[in-house]
């Protein structure tokens, strides 16, 4: 998990997010998915935009979800859609 954080921070920084914004962005995404259910990249980005954030790419969302996989209170399942 430690290897994910620097990569995620670099990706978000490259996308124009300021370092002081990143914790709030991560909290918002984690809050969106905390209750479980199915979420696509499009679903997450629509909610982010509703909250005033710029959308993020699928790889960045995968990195955020990878952070959750290491937490006992979250069960992350991934589904590939074709």
Protein backbone atom coordinates (compact mmCIF):
# COMPACT_ATOMS: atom_id res chain seq x y z
CA UNK A 1 0.00 0.00 0.00
CA UNK A 2 2.83 2.41 0.73
CA UNK A 3 3.92 2.23 -2.90
CA UNK A 4 0.46 3.36 -4.02
CA UNK A 5 0.44 6.66 -2.15
CA UNK A 6 3.37 8.40 -3.91
CA UNK A 7 2.12 7.20 -7.30
CA UNK A 8 -1.40 8.45 -6.54
CA UNK A 9 -0.14 11.81 -5.28
CA UNK A 10 2.00 12.24 -8.40
CA UNK A 11 -0.92 11.39 -10.71
CA UNK A 12 -3.23 13.83 -8.96
CA UNK A 13 -0.58 16.53 -8.99
CA UNK A 14 0.00 15.96 -12.70
CA UNK A 15 -3.76 16.38 -13.25
CA UNK A 16 -3.68 19.82 -11.64
CA UNK A 17 -4.73 19.03 -8.08
CA UNK A 18 -2.87 20.98 -5.43
CA UNK A 19 -1.34 19.02 -2.54
CA UNK A 20 -3.67 20.64 -0.02
CA UNK A 21 -6.72 19.55 -2.07
CA UNK A 22 -5.82 15.87 -2.26
CA UNK A 23 -6.92 14.78 1.25
CA UNK A 24 -10.36 16.34 0.70
CA UNK A 25 -10.70 14.73 -2.72
CA UNK A 26 -9.78 11.32 -1.30
CA UNK A 27 -12.25 11.76 1.57
CA UNK A 28 -15.02 12.62 -0.88
CA UNK A 29 -14.33 9.54 -3.02
CA UNK A 30 -14.07 7.28 0.02
CA UNK A 31 -17.31 8.72 1.38
CA UNK A 32 -19.05 8.00 -1.94
CA UNK A 33 -18.17 4.33 -1.89
CA UNK A 34 -18.27 3.73 1.89
CA UNK A 35 -21.82 2.39 1.92
CA UNK A 36 -21.03 -0.21 -0.70
CA UNK A 37 -22.80 -0.86 -3.93
CA UNK A 38 -21.70 -0.68 -7.52
CA UNK A 39 -19.77 2.34 -8.76
CA UNK A 40 -18.32 2.88 -12.19
CA UNK A 41 -15.68 5.44 -13.08
CA UNK A 42 -18.45 7.46 -14.70
CA UNK A 43 -20.58 7.34 -11.52
CA UNK A 44 -17.70 8.52 -9.37
CA UNK A 45 -16.77 11.30 -11.79
CA UNK A 46 -20.37 12.54 -12.02
CA UNK A 47 -20.50 12.81 -8.25
CA UNK A 48 -17.08 14.46 -8.12
CA UNK A 49 -18.22 17.05 -10.65
CA UNK A 50 -21.41 17.63 -8.66
CA UNK A 51 -19.21 18.34 -5.65
CA UNK A 52 -17.11 20.80 -7.66
CA UNK A 53 -14.12 18.57 -8.44
CA UNK A 54 -12.60 17.92 -11.82
CA UNK A 55 -13.09 14.33 -13.01
CA UNK A 56 -10.26 11.85 -12.57
CA UNK A 57 -9.09 9.11 -14.90
CA UNK A 58 -9.83 5.40 -14.37
CA UNK A 59 -6.26 4.61 -13.27
CA UNK A 60 -6.45 7.21 -10.51
CA UNK A 61 -9.75 5.78 -9.32
CA UNK A 62 -8.18 2.31 -9.29
CA UNK A 63 -5.35 3.64 -7.13
CA UNK A 64 -7.85 5.15 -4.70
CA UNK A 65 -9.75 1.84 -4.56
CA UNK A 66 -6.45 0.05 -3.94
CA UNK A 67 -6.04 2.12 -0.80
CA UNK A 68 -9.38 0.73 0.40
CA UNK A 69 -8.38 -2.87 -0.25
CA UNK A 70 -5.95 -2.68 2.65
CA UNK A 71 -8.64 -1.61 5.11
CA UNK A 72 -10.54 -4.28 7.01
CA UNK A 73 -13.77 -2.29 7.14
CA UNK A 74 -14.01 -2.17 3.33
CA UNK A 75 -14.59 -4.99 0.90
CA UNK A 76 -13.59 -4.01 -2.60
CA UNK A 77 -14.76 -6.05 -5.55
CA UNK A 78 -13.82 -5.24 -9.11
CA UNK A 79 -15.77 -6.12 -12.20
CA UNK A 80 -14.57 -5.76 -15.76
CA UNK A 81 -17.16 -4.45 -18.15
CA UNK A 82 -16.75 -4.93 -21.84
